[in-house]
Amino acid sequence: MKFLDVIRTAVHNSFRSKMRTALTVVAIFIGAFTLTITTAIGTGISSYIDNQLASVGSADVISIGKATEGDSTVDDGPARYDPDKATAASGFPGGATPPGLPVGALSDDDIASIRGTDGILDANPVVMVAPSYIEFDGNGKYELTVNPSAAVTKADLAAGSQLGGLDDTNELLLPASYLENLGFTNAESAEGRTVTIGSSTYQGEMKEVTATVVGIQNESLFGSGVGLGQQLTDALVDVQNTGKPRGAPVGYFAAVAHIGSDATQPEIDAIKADLEDQGFVGRTVADQIGTIQTVVNGIVGVLNAFAVIALIAAGFGIVNTLLMSVQERTREIGLMKAMGMSGGKIYALFSTEAVFIGFLGSAMGALVAIGVGSAISNVLSETLLSDLQGLDVLKFAPASVAGIVLVVMLIAFLAGTLPARRASKQNPIDALRYE
């Protein structure tokens, strides 16, 4: 019997007892359906979380501030204020932090020290800008909120590109929620258009700065507001400082630094240690909120465990189905052996039946899960979860679906091992005498 003959015979034998096979397929269907759905939930949520974490900071970005005693242990609370230590740690002229700035403010000298640290490609201070309004094509002035870290993060885009793609241009990322009020019909219609931003000088005089919308970003859980490119930020800072008295304090709440995108964890640890030696503390995205992904993976893992339990139960159904099939076909097995069919081919025949039943149930479960899950995801995205832009609750990855089908077929093969072995060990004389 050739290999193709074994497959054809196994498929035919699977449907000898249609009701028994159907019930076994249904059990596998339930497990595969559940596993496909839970995996899709994990893929969808993980993808969304990854996009949201990118709005807090890219993997190659370190947030840097002044080191304090409170940085060493989170649970100990804030350190006691020491004016002498605060003066000594200050990098400002005269040794004291100017009025109006926090004790941990960074000076221009601090920014220069950070830029000179080995492994740091560039560093920019986080400056606070407060524009008054934004306007497009005379459609009215609207208040705006600025996302202060947009220049060093990766936004979840609905259209356009990230900041930093155009040279010598005031770039801007526009939240999708601003489109309708400003007079845009959709995200694509806003890409590349010029808007006007109004900001007041130090003495209260209103001035306007033009900027190009390079991208439209979905609303984020961790960062919201209009994203300003570095050049646009500098232009607005210049407007705010117009008329400012000479000698007024200049300081920064923090700095953001870029490192190599291919930097290894030991290299990142070395950079943070170097910064600490200089009196700074650096935190990556993983340091700040990396546990969120761990929690999501844990929840999805628990859901997958329930699906695996269902598949194991279905595996016992395969064992039962094939054991009964072996018993019912004992004389047939004896006849095949008497005609020269080897025990190995009989083993392959029953194993193929098990794998076929596993494939049938898993393929049907996966296909139905994709259809039902896609419909549910679309409904949720348009109703209950409409405020979470960019979230696909269930995201079906072809590789994951194929992996689930293969895993179920493997479970079916293992479940069919005992019946297949029993069939292959049948004594042909005893089998022919079996009533």
Protein backbone atom coordinates (compact mmCIF):
# COMPACT_ATOMS: atom_id res chain seq x y z
CA MET A 1 0.00 0.00 0.00
CA LYS A 2 1.49 3.32 -1.10
CA PHE A 3 1.52 6.47 1.00
CA LEU A 4 -1.34 8.08 -0.96
CA ASP A 5 -3.34 4.87 -0.59
CA VAL A 6 -2.80 5.03 3.17
CA ILE A 7 -4.14 8.62 3.23
CA ARG A 8 -7.17 7.77 1.08
CA THR A 9 -8.00 4.71 3.18
CA ALA A 10 -7.56 6.65 6.44
CA VAL A 11 -9.92 9.42 5.26
CA HIS A 12 -12.48 6.84 4.16
CA ASN A 13 -12.25 4.90 7.45
CA SER A 14 -12.69 8.13 9.45
CA PHE A 15 -16.25 8.41 8.18
CA ARG A 16 -17.26 4.78 8.78
CA SER A 17 -18.90 5.80 12.07
CA LYS A 18 -20.05 9.27 11.15
CA MET A 19 -21.68 10.14 14.47
CA ARG A 20 -18.68 9.09 16.57
CA THR A 21 -16.23 10.91 14.32
CA ALA A 22 -18.45 14.00 14.22
CA LEU A 23 -18.60 14.21 18.02
CA THR A 24 -14.81 13.90 18.23
CA VAL A 25 -14.38 16.60 15.56
CA VAL A 26 -16.75 18.88 17.50
CA ALA A 27 -14.62 18.48 20.64
CA ILE A 28 -11.49 19.40 18.67
CA PHE A 29 -13.41 22.23 16.98
CA ILE A 30 -14.23 23.79 20.37
CA GLY A 31 -10.63 23.66 21.54
CA ALA A 32 -9.21 25.01 18.27
CA PHE A 33 -11.87 27.74 18.12
CA THR A 34 -11.09 28.85 21.68
CA LEU A 35 -7.33 28.76 21.15
CA THR A 36 -7.60 30.75 17.90
CA ILE A 37 -9.78 33.40 19.56
CA THR A 38 -7.57 33.78 22.64
CA THR A 39 -4.43 33.95 20.51
CA ALA A 40 -6.04 36.63 18.34
CA ILE A 41 -6.96 38.60 21.47
CA GLY A 42 -3.37 38.39 22.64
CA THR A 43 -2.04 39.48 19.24
CA GLY A 44 -4.50 42.38 18.96
CA ILE A 45 -3.98 43.70 22.47
CA SER A 46 -0.21 43.24 22.34
CA SER A 47 -0.04 45.12 19.04
CA TYR A 48 -2.13 47.94 20.50
CA ILE A 49 -0.06 48.07 23.69
CA ASP A 50 3.16 48.17 21.63
CA ASN A 51 1.80 51.14 19.68
CA GLN A 52 0.75 52.86 22.91
CA LEU A 53 4.12 52.27 24.54
CA ALA A 54 5.73 53.85 21.50
CA SER A 55 3.82 57.03 22.35
CA VAL A 56 5.64 57.12 25.70
CA GLY A 57 9.07 56.56 24.28
CA SER A 58 10.91 54.59 21.65
CA ALA A 59 13.21 51.72 22.54
CA ASP A 60 16.23 53.86 21.62
CA VAL A 61 15.25 56.79 23.88
CA ILE A 62 16.33 57.43 27.48
CA SER A 63 14.60 60.00 29.70
CA ILE A 64 17.16 61.74 31.89
CA GLY A 65 16.77 63.85 35.01
CA LYS A 66 18.72 64.84 38.08
CA ALA A 67 19.49 61.96 40.43
CA THR A 68 18.03 62.20 43.93
CA GLU A 69 17.95 59.87 46.90
CA GLY A 70 14.36 59.03 46.02
CA ASP A 71 15.46 57.48 42.71
CA SER A 72 17.09 54.51 44.39
CA THR A 73 14.01 53.02 46.05
CA VAL A 74 10.48 53.74 44.97
CA ASP A 75 8.78 52.47 48.15
CA ASP A 76 10.76 54.67 50.55
CA GLY A 77 8.99 57.85 49.40
CA PRO A 78 10.66 61.22 48.75
CA ALA A 79 13.99 62.10 50.30
CA ARG A 80 14.20 64.82 52.96
CA TYR A 81 15.01 68.25 51.49
CA ASP A 82 18.59 69.33 52.11
CA PRO A 83 19.30 72.90 50.95
CA ASP A 84 23.06 72.46 51.12
CA LYS A 85 22.95 69.32 48.99
CA ALA A 86 20.55 70.95 46.55
CA THR A 87 22.96 73.87 46.13
CA ALA A 88 25.95 71.59 45.67
CA ALA A 89 24.17 69.46 43.09
CA SER A 90 23.02 72.40 41.02
CA GLY A 91 24.72 73.01 37.72
CA PHE A 92 23.59 76.64 37.51
CA PRO A 93 25.91 79.65 37.83
CA GLY A 94 26.37 80.61 41.46
CA GLY A 95 25.65 77.08 42.66
CA ALA A 96 21.93 77.59 43.30
CA THR A 97 18.85 76.70 41.30
CA PRO A 98 17.23 79.95 40.09
CA PRO A 99 13.80 80.91 41.48
CA GLY A 100 10.83 79.43 39.64
CA LEU A 101 12.61 76.18 38.75
CA PRO A 102 12.53 72.87 40.64
CA VAL A 103 15.56 71.67 42.59
CA GLY A 104 16.11 68.89 40.04
CA ALA A 105 16.13 71.22 37.03
CA LEU A 106 18.79 70.67 34.38
CA SER A 107 21.04 73.51 33.27
CA ASP A 108 22.66 74.07 29.87
CA ASP A 109 25.88 72.63 31.32
CA ASP A 110 23.99 69.50 32.36
CA ILE A 111 22.64 69.10 28.82
CA ALA A 112 26.19 69.45 27.48
CA SER A 113 27.43 66.78 29.92
CA ILE A 114 24.69 64.40 28.86
CA ARG A 115 25.54 64.93 25.18
CA GLY A 116 29.15 64.09 25.93
CA THR A 117 28.34 60.75 27.57
CA ASP A 118 29.62 57.68 25.72
CA GLY A 119 26.79 55.92 23.91
CA ILE A 120 24.55 59.00 23.73
CA LEU A 121 23.99 60.01 20.10
CA ASP A 122 22.15 63.25 20.87
CA ALA A 123 20.21 64.84 23.71
CA ASN A 124 17.61 67.60 23.81
CA PRO A 125 16.05 69.33 26.80
CA VAL A 126 12.34 68.93 27.43
CA VAL A 127 11.02 72.46 27.17
CA MET A 128 7.51 73.52 28.02
CA VAL A 129 5.67 75.38 25.27
CA ALA A 130 2.11 76.63 25.61
CA PRO A 131 0.70 77.82 22.27
CA SER A 132 -2.62 79.62 22.43
CA TYR A 133 -4.43 78.33 19.35
CA ILE A 134 -4.24 76.41 16.08
CA GLU A 135 -6.02 77.35 12.84
CA PHE A 136 -6.35 76.01 9.32
CA ASP A 137 -7.41 78.03 6.28
CA GLY A 138 -9.43 80.56 8.27
CA ASN A 139 -11.83 77.94 9.67
CA GLY A 140 -11.56 79.32 13.19
CA LYS A 141 -9.07 79.26 16.03
CA TYR A 142 -9.05 76.31 18.42
CA GLU A 143 -7.19 75.65 21.63
CA LEU A 144 -4.53 72.93 21.53
CA THR A 145 -2.71 70.72 23.96
CA VAL A 146 0.92 69.89 23.29
CA ASN A 147 2.44 66.45 23.74
CA PRO A 148 5.89 67.41 25.11
CA SER A 149 7.58 64.12 24.20
CA ALA A 150 6.24 63.73 20.65
CA ALA A 151 9.55 64.63 19.01
CA VAL A 152 11.28 61.57 20.48
CA THR A 153 8.51 59.00 20.30
CA LYS A 154 6.86 56.91 17.61
CA ALA A 155 3.21 57.80 17.12
CA ASP A 156 0.42 55.40 16.17
CA LEU A 157 -0.41 56.97 12.80
CA ALA A 158 -3.73 57.02 10.97
CA ALA A 159 -2.03 58.66 7.96
CA GLY A 160 1.22 60.40 7.01
CA SER A 161 4.66 59.89 8.53
CA GLN A 162 6.56 60.35 11.77
CA LEU A 163 8.24 63.57 12.85
CA GLY A 164 11.76 64.13 11.62
CA GLY A 165 11.23 63.28 7.98
CA LEU A 166 11.54 66.81 6.57
CA ASP A 167 14.60 69.05 6.90
CA ASP A 168 14.28 72.75 7.75
CA THR A 169 10.51 72.43 8.20
CA ASN A 170 8.24 73.13 11.15
CA GLU A 171 6.65 69.69 11.47
CA LEU A 172 3.50 68.81 13.33
CA LEU A 173 1.55 65.65 14.19
CA LEU A 174 -2.18 66.32 14.39
CA PRO A 175 -4.45 64.16 16.59
CA ALA A 176 -7.36 62.61 14.71
CA SER A 177 -9.79 64.29 17.11
CA TYR A 178 -8.76 67.73 15.76
CA LEU A 179 -9.63 66.99 12.12
CA GLU A 180 -13.33 67.86 12.05
CA ASN A 181 -13.05 71.13 13.99
CA LEU A 182 -10.17 72.39 11.87
CA GLY A 183 -12.09 71.67 8.68
CA PHE A 184 -10.50 68.46 7.37
CA THR A 185 -12.72 65.74 5.92
CA ASN A 186 -10.42 62.85 6.85
CA ALA A 187 -6.85 62.02 7.86
CA GLU A 188 -5.54 61.88 4.29
CA SER A 189 -6.89 65.36 3.50
CA ALA A 190 -4.83 66.85 6.36
CA GLU A 191 -1.51 65.33 5.35
CA GLY A 192 0.93 67.91 3.99
CA ARG A 193 -1.34 70.92 4.73
CA THR A 194 -0.13 74.07 6.45
CA VAL A 195 -1.66 75.24 9.74
CA THR A 196 -1.10 78.35 11.82
CA ILE A 197 -0.16 78.26 15.49
CA GLY A 198 -0.56 81.33 17.68
CA SER A 199 1.62 81.86 20.72
CA SER A 200 2.13 84.85 23.00
CA THR A 201 5.46 86.49 23.77
CA TYR A 202 6.86 87.03 27.26
CA GLN A 203 5.10 90.40 27.29
CA GLY A 204 1.76 89.05 26.04
CA GLU A 205 1.92 89.98 22.35
CA MET A 206 0.41 87.32 20.05
CA LYS A 207 2.56 86.00 17.21
CA GLU A 208 1.90 83.28 14.65
CA VAL A 209 4.07 80.42 13.39
CA THR A 210 3.20 78.21 10.41
CA ALA A 211 3.73 74.45 10.46
CA THR A 212 3.23 71.50 8.09
CA VAL A 213 1.07 68.54 9.13
CA VAL A 214 3.29 65.55 8.37
CA GLY A 215 1.10 62.94 10.06
CA ILE A 216 -2.21 62.29 11.78
CA GLN A 217 -2.01 60.24 14.96
CA ASN A 218 -4.62 58.10 16.67
CA GLU A 219 -5.47 58.98 20.24
CA SER A 220 -3.13 57.28 22.71
CA LEU A 221 -3.61 55.95 26.22
CA PHE A 222 -0.28 57.30 27.43
CA GLY A 223 0.33 60.44 25.42
CA SER A 224 -2.08 62.87 23.81
CA GLY A 225 -2.06 66.28 22.20
CA VAL A 226 -0.43 67.88 19.19
CA GLY A 227 3.05 66.57 18.44
CA LEU A 228 5.63 69.24 17.65
CA GLY A 229 8.86 68.64 15.76
CA GLN A 230 12.09 69.91 17.31
CA GLN A 231 12.37 72.84 14.90
CA LEU A 232 8.78 73.91 15.55
CA THR A 233 9.34 73.60 19.29
CA ASP A 234 12.42 75.83 19.04
CA ALA A 235 10.43 78.38 17.02
CA LEU A 236 7.68 78.52 19.66
CA VAL A 237 10.24 78.78 22.46
CA ASP A 238 11.78 81.76 20.65
CA VAL A 239 8.34 83.39 20.51
CA GLN A 240 7.73 82.75 24.22
CA ASN A 241 11.13 84.17 25.13
CA THR A 242 10.66 87.31 23.02
CA GLY A 243 10.86 90.28 25.40
CA LYS A 244 12.17 88.18 28.26
CA PRO A 245 14.57 90.13 30.52
CA ARG A 246 18.23 89.28 30.33
CA GLY A 247 19.47 87.10 33.14
CA ALA A 248 16.11 85.40 33.66
CA PRO A 249 16.54 81.76 34.77
CA VAL A 250 16.73 79.10 32.10
CA GLY A 251 16.31 75.49 33.15
CA TYR A 252 14.74 72.25 32.01
CA PHE A 253 12.66 69.67 33.80
CA ALA A 254 14.31 66.76 31.99
CA ALA A 255 16.16 65.72 28.85
CA VAL A 256 15.61 63.01 26.29
CA ALA A 257 18.57 61.26 24.69
CA HIS A 258 18.87 58.90 21.73
CA ILE A 259 21.04 55.81 21.80
CA GLY A 260 21.78 53.32 19.04
CA SER A 261 18.71 51.34 17.96
CA ASP A 262 20.85 48.18 18.05
CA ALA A 263 22.21 48.84 21.55
CA THR A 264 22.28 45.73 23.73
CA GLN A 265 21.03 45.64 27.32
CA PRO A 266 24.59 45.59 28.77
CA GLU A 267 25.42 48.69 26.68
CA ILE A 268 22.26 50.45 27.93
CA ASP A 269 23.15 49.53 31.52
CA ALA A 270 26.65 50.96 31.00
CA ILE A 271 25.20 54.25 29.69
CA LYS A 272 22.85 54.51 32.69
CA ALA A 273 25.73 53.78 35.07
CA ASP A 274 27.84 56.50 33.41
CA LEU A 275 24.96 58.98 33.77
CA GLU A 276 24.56 58.02 37.42
CA ASP A 277 28.23 58.74 38.06
CA GLN A 278 27.61 62.26 36.70
CA GLY A 279 24.63 62.82 39.00
CA PHE A 280 21.84 61.96 36.54
CA VAL A 281 19.33 59.14 36.35
CA GLY A 282 18.24 57.59 33.04
CA ARG A 283 15.12 55.52 32.43
CA THR A 284 14.11 53.62 29.31
CA VAL A 285 10.58 52.65 28.33
CA ALA A 286 11.16 49.17 29.75
CA ASP A 287 12.14 50.73 33.09
CA GLN A 288 8.99 52.87 33.22
CA ILE A 289 6.13 50.73 31.96
CA GLY A 290 7.56 47.47 30.67
CA THR A 291 5.50 45.48 33.20
CA ILE A 292 2.31 46.31 31.28
CA GLN A 293 3.24 43.90 28.50
CA THR A 294 4.07 41.23 31.08
CA VAL A 295 0.60 41.55 32.61
CA VAL A 296 -1.07 41.31 29.19
CA ASN A 297 0.96 38.23 28.29
CA GLY A 298 0.03 36.63 31.61
CA ILE A 299 -3.71 37.18 31.04
CA VAL A 300 -3.53 35.79 27.50
CA GLY A 301 -1.53 32.83 28.79
CA VAL A 302 -4.30 31.97 31.26
CA LEU A 303 -6.90 32.17 28.47
CA ASN A 304 -4.78 29.91 26.27
CA ALA A 305 -4.50 27.42 29.13
CA PHE A 306 -8.28 26.92 29.08
CA ALA A 307 -8.14 26.25 25.35
CA VAL A 308 -5.34 23.71 25.81
CA ILE A 309 -7.42 21.92 28.46
CA ALA A 310 -10.26 21.66 25.92
CA LEU A 311 -7.83 20.23 23.36
CA ILE A 312 -6.51 17.66 25.84
CA ALA A 313 -10.10 16.58 26.51
CA ALA A 314 -10.59 16.30 22.75
CA GLY A 315 -7.44 14.14 22.61
CA PHE A 316 -9.08 11.59 24.89
CA GLY A 317 -12.03 11.63 22.51
CA ILE A 318 -9.66 10.67 19.68
CA VAL A 319 -8.23 7.83 21.79
CA ASN A 320 -11.73 6.54 22.49
CA THR A 321 -12.82 6.83 18.86
CA LEU A 322 -9.83 4.96 17.47
CA LEU A 323 -9.79 2.27 20.17
CA MET A 324 -13.38 1.45 19.31
CA SER A 325 -12.47 1.53 15.62
CA VAL A 326 -9.61 -0.94 16.24
CA GLN A 327 -11.95 -3.25 18.13
CA GLU A 328 -14.63 -3.11 15.43
CA ARG A 329 -12.09 -3.73 12.64
CA THR A 330 -10.10 -6.50 14.32
CA ARG A 331 -10.88 -9.10 11.65
CA GLU A 332 -10.15 -6.51 8.94
CA ILE A 333 -6.75 -5.84 10.48
CA GLY A 334 -6.06 -9.55 10.60
CA LEU A 335 -6.97 -9.88 6.94
CA MET A 336 -4.65 -7.01 5.96
CA LYS A 337 -1.80 -8.63 7.86
CA ALA A 338 -2.51 -12.01 6.31
CA MET A 339 -2.28 -10.37 2.87
CA GLY A 340 1.18 -9.05 3.70
CA MET A 341 0.53 -5.57 5.09
CA SER A 342 3.23 -4.75 7.64
CA GLY A 343 2.61 -3.61 11.18
CA GLY A 344 4.27 -0.30 10.35
CA LYS A 345 1.77 0.50 7.62
CA ILE A 346 -1.14 -0.44 9.86
CA TYR A 347 0.31 1.88 12.49
CA ALA A 348 0.59 4.62 9.83
CA LEU A 349 -3.00 4.00 8.74
CA PHE A 350 -4.50 4.56 12.18
CA SER A 351 -2.13 7.45 12.96
CA THR A 352 -3.21 9.13 9.72
CA GLU A 353 -6.84 8.74 10.76
CA ALA A 354 -6.05 10.53 14.03
CA VAL A 355 -4.17 13.32 12.26
CA PHE A 356 -6.98 13.75 9.73
CA ILE A 357 -9.58 14.05 12.49
CA GLY A 358 -7.35 16.61 14.21
CA PHE A 359 -6.89 18.56 10.99
CA LEU A 360 -10.62 18.53 10.25
CA GLY A 361 -11.59 19.86 13.69
CA SER A 362 -8.77 22.42 13.94
CA ALA A 363 -9.23 23.81 10.42
CA MET A 364 -12.97 24.21 10.92
CA GLY A 365 -12.44 25.76 14.36
CA ALA A 366 -9.83 28.22 13.09
CA LEU A 367 -11.88 29.29 10.05
CA VAL A 368 -15.05 29.82 12.10
CA ALA A 369 -13.03 31.71 14.74
CA ILE A 370 -11.61 34.04 12.08
CA GLY A 371 -15.07 34.75 10.66
CA VAL A 372 -16.81 35.25 14.00
CA GLY A 373 -13.86 37.05 15.58
CA SER A 374 -13.45 39.51 12.70
CA ALA A 375 -17.14 40.39 12.85
CA ILE A 376 -17.05 40.89 16.63
CA SER A 377 -13.86 42.96 16.40
CA ASN A 378 -15.40 45.27 13.79
CA VAL A 379 -18.56 45.75 15.86
CA LEU A 380 -16.60 46.50 19.04
CA SER A 381 -14.29 48.93 17.20
CA GLU A 382 -17.30 50.89 15.96
CA THR A 383 -19.29 50.85 19.22
CA LEU A 384 -17.96 50.13 22.71
CA LEU A 385 -14.27 50.63 21.84
CA SER A 386 -14.65 53.45 19.33
CA ASP A 387 -12.65 55.80 21.60
CA LEU A 388 -9.61 53.49 21.45
CA GLN A 389 -8.43 54.36 17.97
CA GLY A 390 -6.21 51.78 16.31
CA LEU A 391 -7.36 48.91 18.56
CA ASP A 392 -8.27 45.63 16.85
CA VAL A 393 -9.47 43.48 19.74
CA LEU A 394 -8.92 40.31 17.72
CA LYS A 395 -6.04 40.25 15.28
CA PHE A 396 -5.52 37.02 13.35
CA ALA A 397 -1.93 36.42 12.27
CA PRO A 398 -1.59 33.76 9.53
CA ALA A 399 1.47 32.25 11.20
CA SER A 400 -0.37 31.90 14.52
CA VAL A 401 -3.40 30.27 12.91
CA ALA A 402 -1.21 27.82 10.99
CA GLY A 403 0.69 27.06 14.18
CA ILE A 404 -2.54 26.28 16.03
CA VAL A 405 -3.64 23.84 13.30
CA LEU A 406 -0.26 22.09 13.41
CA VAL A 407 -0.29 21.89 17.22
CA VAL A 408 -3.76 20.33 17.21
CA MET A 409 -2.68 17.82 14.56
CA LEU A 410 0.32 16.93 16.73
CA ILE A 411 -1.95 16.41 19.74
CA ALA A 412 -4.20 14.22 17.57
CA PHE A 413 -1.19 12.18 16.41
CA LEU A 414 -0.04 11.62 19.99
CA ALA A 415 -3.59 10.70 21.02
CA GLY A 416 -3.76 8.15 18.20
CA THR A 417 -0.47 6.50 19.14
CA LEU A 418 -1.97 3.98 21.59
CA PRO A 419 -4.77 2.75 19.28
CA ALA A 420 -2.40 2.66 16.29
CA ARG A 421 0.15 0.64 18.25
CA ARG A 422 -2.52 -1.79 19.42
CA ALA A 423 -3.69 -2.27 15.83
CA SER A 424 -0.15 -2.85 14.53
CA LYS A 425 0.53 -5.52 17.20
CA GLN A 426 -2.53 -7.61 16.35
CA ASN A 427 -1.81 -11.28 15.71
CA PRO A 428 -3.32 -12.03 12.28
CA ILE A 429 -4.53 -15.54 13.25
CA ASP A 430 -6.23 -14.34 16.44
CA ALA A 431 -7.62 -11.33 14.62
CA LEU A 432 -9.23 -13.50 11.92
CA ARG A 433 -10.86 -15.65 14.62
CA TYR A 434 -12.27 -12.57 16.38
CA GLU A 435 -16.05 -12.43 16.53
